[in-house]
N, C-alpha and C. Protein backbone atom coordinates (compact mmCIF):
# COMPACT_ATOMS: atom_id res chain seq x y z
N MET A 1 15.22 16.21 18.76
CA MET A 1 14.31 15.98 19.85
C MET A 1 13.84 14.52 19.76
N LYS A 2 13.90 13.83 20.88
CA LYS A 2 13.48 12.43 20.93
C LYS A 2 12.11 12.33 21.60
N PHE A 3 11.18 11.68 20.91
CA PHE A 3 9.85 11.46 21.45
C PHE A 3 9.81 10.12 22.16
N GLN A 4 9.28 10.09 23.37
CA GLN A 4 9.14 8.84 24.12
C GLN A 4 7.84 8.17 23.73
N CYS A 5 7.90 6.89 23.44
CA CYS A 5 6.71 6.13 23.05
C CYS A 5 5.71 6.12 24.21
N ASN A 6 4.49 6.57 23.94
CA ASN A 6 3.48 6.60 25.00
C ASN A 6 2.14 5.99 24.58
N ILE A 7 2.13 5.24 23.46
CA ILE A 7 0.92 4.53 23.04
C ILE A 7 1.30 3.10 22.68
N GLY A 8 0.32 2.22 22.75
CA GLY A 8 0.54 0.81 22.44
C GLY A 8 0.33 0.49 20.98
N ALA A 9 0.42 -0.79 20.66
CA ALA A 9 0.29 -1.24 19.28
C ALA A 9 -1.09 -0.94 18.70
N LYS A 10 -2.14 -1.10 19.51
CA LYS A 10 -3.50 -0.82 19.02
C LYS A 10 -3.66 0.66 18.70
N GLY A 11 -3.14 1.54 19.55
CA GLY A 11 -3.20 2.98 19.30
C GLY A 11 -2.41 3.39 18.07
N LYS A 12 -1.24 2.77 17.88
CA LYS A 12 -0.44 3.05 16.69
C LYS A 12 -1.20 2.67 15.43
N PHE A 13 -1.81 1.48 15.45
CA PHE A 13 -2.54 1.00 14.29
C PHE A 13 -3.72 1.92 13.96
N ILE A 14 -4.47 2.29 14.97
CA ILE A 14 -5.64 3.14 14.75
C ILE A 14 -5.22 4.51 14.22
N ARG A 15 -4.14 5.06 14.74
CA ARG A 15 -3.66 6.36 14.26
C ARG A 15 -3.15 6.28 12.82
N LEU A 16 -2.46 5.19 12.48
CA LEU A 16 -1.98 5.03 11.10
C LEU A 16 -3.15 4.89 10.12
N VAL A 17 -4.14 4.09 10.48
CA VAL A 17 -5.28 3.88 9.59
C VAL A 17 -6.12 5.15 9.46
N SER A 18 -6.43 5.79 10.58
CA SER A 18 -7.24 7.01 10.51
C SER A 18 -6.48 8.13 9.80
N GLY A 19 -5.18 8.22 10.01
CA GLY A 19 -4.39 9.23 9.32
C GLY A 19 -4.35 8.99 7.82
N SER A 20 -4.20 7.72 7.43
CA SER A 20 -4.20 7.38 6.00
C SER A 20 -5.53 7.72 5.36
N LEU A 21 -6.62 7.41 6.06
CA LEU A 21 -7.95 7.74 5.53
C LEU A 21 -8.14 9.25 5.43
N GLY A 22 -7.65 9.99 6.41
CA GLY A 22 -7.76 11.45 6.37
C GLY A 22 -7.01 12.04 5.19
N VAL A 23 -5.80 11.56 4.96
CA VAL A 23 -5.03 12.04 3.81
C VAL A 23 -5.72 11.68 2.51
N LEU A 24 -6.21 10.45 2.41
CA LEU A 24 -6.89 10.01 1.20
C LEU A 24 -8.15 10.83 0.92
N VAL A 25 -8.98 11.05 1.93
CA VAL A 25 -10.19 11.86 1.75
C VAL A 25 -9.83 13.30 1.40
N GLY A 26 -8.79 13.83 2.01
CA GLY A 26 -8.34 15.19 1.69
C GLY A 26 -7.88 15.32 0.25
N ILE A 27 -7.17 14.31 -0.23
CA ILE A 27 -6.71 14.34 -1.63
C ILE A 27 -7.89 14.24 -2.58
N VAL A 28 -8.84 13.36 -2.28
CA VAL A 28 -10.02 13.21 -3.14
C VAL A 28 -10.83 14.51 -3.15
N LEU A 29 -11.04 15.10 -1.97
CA LEU A 29 -11.80 16.35 -1.89
C LEU A 29 -11.09 17.48 -2.62
N SER A 30 -9.77 17.56 -2.50
CA SER A 30 -9.05 18.62 -3.20
C SER A 30 -9.08 18.41 -4.71
N SER A 31 -9.07 17.15 -5.15
CA SER A 31 -9.16 16.92 -6.59
C SER A 31 -10.54 17.30 -7.12
N PHE A 32 -11.60 17.02 -6.33
CA PHE A 32 -12.93 17.46 -6.75
C PHE A 32 -13.00 18.98 -6.85
N LEU A 33 -12.43 19.66 -5.87
CA LEU A 33 -12.44 21.12 -5.91
C LEU A 33 -11.63 21.66 -7.08
N PHE A 34 -10.50 21.03 -7.35
CA PHE A 34 -9.64 21.48 -8.45
C PHE A 34 -10.33 21.30 -9.79
N PHE A 35 -10.90 20.11 -10.01
CA PHE A 35 -11.51 19.84 -11.31
C PHE A 35 -12.86 20.53 -11.48
N SER A 36 -13.47 20.97 -10.39
CA SER A 36 -14.72 21.73 -10.53
C SER A 36 -14.44 23.20 -10.79
N GLY A 37 -13.18 23.60 -10.71
CA GLY A 37 -12.81 24.98 -11.00
C GLY A 37 -13.00 25.93 -9.84
N ALA A 38 -12.96 25.43 -8.64
CA ALA A 38 -13.14 26.28 -7.46
C ALA A 38 -11.96 27.23 -7.31
N GLU A 39 -12.27 28.46 -6.99
CA GLU A 39 -11.23 29.46 -6.76
C GLU A 39 -10.52 29.19 -5.44
N LEU A 40 -9.34 29.74 -5.31
CA LEU A 40 -8.59 29.60 -4.06
C LEU A 40 -9.27 30.46 -3.01
N SER A 41 -10.02 29.82 -2.14
CA SER A 41 -10.77 30.54 -1.13
C SER A 41 -10.85 29.67 0.12
N THR A 42 -11.83 29.94 0.95
CA THR A 42 -11.98 29.19 2.18
C THR A 42 -12.41 27.74 1.95
N LEU A 43 -12.85 27.40 0.73
CA LEU A 43 -13.20 26.01 0.43
C LEU A 43 -12.01 25.09 0.58
N TRP A 44 -10.82 25.60 0.37
CA TRP A 44 -9.62 24.77 0.41
C TRP A 44 -9.14 24.48 1.82
N ILE A 45 -9.76 25.11 2.82
CA ILE A 45 -9.35 24.86 4.21
C ILE A 45 -9.67 23.41 4.61
N ALA A 46 -10.80 22.90 4.17
CA ALA A 46 -11.21 21.54 4.54
C ALA A 46 -10.22 20.48 4.04
N PRO A 47 -9.89 20.44 2.74
CA PRO A 47 -8.94 19.41 2.32
C PRO A 47 -7.54 19.62 2.89
N ALA A 48 -7.13 20.86 3.06
CA ALA A 48 -5.81 21.11 3.64
C ALA A 48 -5.76 20.64 5.09
N SER A 49 -6.85 20.85 5.82
CA SER A 49 -6.91 20.39 7.21
C SER A 49 -6.93 18.87 7.29
N LEU A 50 -7.67 18.22 6.40
CA LEU A 50 -7.71 16.76 6.39
C LEU A 50 -6.33 16.18 6.07
N ILE A 51 -5.65 16.76 5.11
CA ILE A 51 -4.33 16.25 4.74
C ILE A 51 -3.33 16.51 5.86
N GLY A 52 -3.34 17.71 6.42
CA GLY A 52 -2.41 18.04 7.51
C GLY A 52 -2.68 17.23 8.77
N GLY A 53 -3.94 17.11 9.16
CA GLY A 53 -4.29 16.32 10.33
C GLY A 53 -4.01 14.85 10.14
N GLY A 54 -4.31 14.35 8.95
CA GLY A 54 -4.03 12.95 8.65
C GLY A 54 -2.54 12.65 8.66
N ALA A 55 -1.75 13.57 8.12
CA ALA A 55 -0.30 13.38 8.12
C ALA A 55 0.23 13.38 9.55
N PHE A 56 -0.31 14.24 10.40
CA PHE A 56 0.13 14.27 11.79
C PHE A 56 -0.28 13.00 12.52
N ALA A 57 -1.47 12.48 12.26
CA ALA A 57 -1.91 11.22 12.87
C ALA A 57 -1.03 10.06 12.41
N MET A 58 -0.64 10.08 11.14
CA MET A 58 0.27 9.06 10.65
C MET A 58 1.63 9.16 11.33
N PHE A 59 2.11 10.36 11.57
CA PHE A 59 3.36 10.55 12.31
C PHE A 59 3.25 10.00 13.72
N GLU A 60 2.12 10.28 14.38
CA GLU A 60 1.91 9.75 15.73
C GLU A 60 1.92 8.22 15.73
N GLY A 61 1.27 7.62 14.76
CA GLY A 61 1.25 6.16 14.67
C GLY A 61 2.61 5.58 14.36
N TRP A 62 3.35 6.23 13.51
CA TRP A 62 4.68 5.75 13.14
C TRP A 62 5.66 5.88 14.30
N SER A 63 5.60 7.00 15.01
CA SER A 63 6.57 7.23 16.08
C SER A 63 6.13 6.64 17.42
N GLY A 64 4.84 6.35 17.58
CA GLY A 64 4.34 5.82 18.84
C GLY A 64 4.16 6.88 19.90
N TRP A 65 4.12 8.12 19.50
CA TRP A 65 4.00 9.24 20.42
C TRP A 65 2.70 9.97 20.15
N CYS A 66 1.92 10.22 21.21
CA CYS A 66 0.63 10.90 21.09
C CYS A 66 0.71 12.25 21.79
N VAL A 67 0.36 13.31 21.12
CA VAL A 67 0.44 14.65 21.70
C VAL A 67 -0.54 14.81 22.85
N ALA A 68 -1.72 14.22 22.76
CA ALA A 68 -2.70 14.34 23.84
C ALA A 68 -2.18 13.67 25.11
N ARG A 69 -1.61 12.49 24.96
CA ARG A 69 -1.05 11.81 26.13
C ARG A 69 0.17 12.54 26.67
N ALA A 70 0.96 13.14 25.81
CA ALA A 70 2.11 13.89 26.27
C ALA A 70 1.71 15.11 27.08
N LEU A 71 0.53 15.65 26.80
CA LEU A 71 0.01 16.80 27.55
C LEU A 71 -0.73 16.38 28.81
N GLY A 72 -0.87 15.08 29.05
CA GLY A 72 -1.49 14.60 30.27
C GLY A 72 -2.94 14.20 30.15
N PHE A 73 -3.49 14.22 28.95
CA PHE A 73 -4.88 13.81 28.75
C PHE A 73 -4.95 12.31 28.60
N TRP A 74 -6.02 11.71 29.12
CA TRP A 74 -6.22 10.28 28.98
C TRP A 74 -6.97 10.01 27.68
N THR A 75 -6.48 9.08 26.88
CA THR A 75 -7.16 8.69 25.66
C THR A 75 -7.58 7.23 25.81
N PRO A 76 -8.79 6.88 25.40
CA PRO A 76 -9.29 5.53 25.64
C PRO A 76 -8.64 4.44 24.80
N ILE A 77 -7.87 4.78 23.81
CA ILE A 77 -7.28 3.77 22.92
C ILE A 77 -5.88 3.44 23.40
C-alpha cells in the first residue's frame, strides 16, 4: 500500500519530535513501573499507549502521511 504525502516539512518535523518524545516518556515511565515492582495490570496501559502512539507519530513524520488529513479533517500544522 502506498501512502500519498499529505503534510509539509513543518508537520513532518513536529510529528517526528512529538513521536520521539512520546516514545522516550513511555520508556522512562515503563522503567519506573518495572523497577518499582508494579504488577502487570492497568498501570501498564499508559506507557504502552505512549510508546505505541509515539511510534505511530514517528511513522507519520517519516512517511509524510497523516491519518487525520487522510480522513478529511483539517489540522492546523
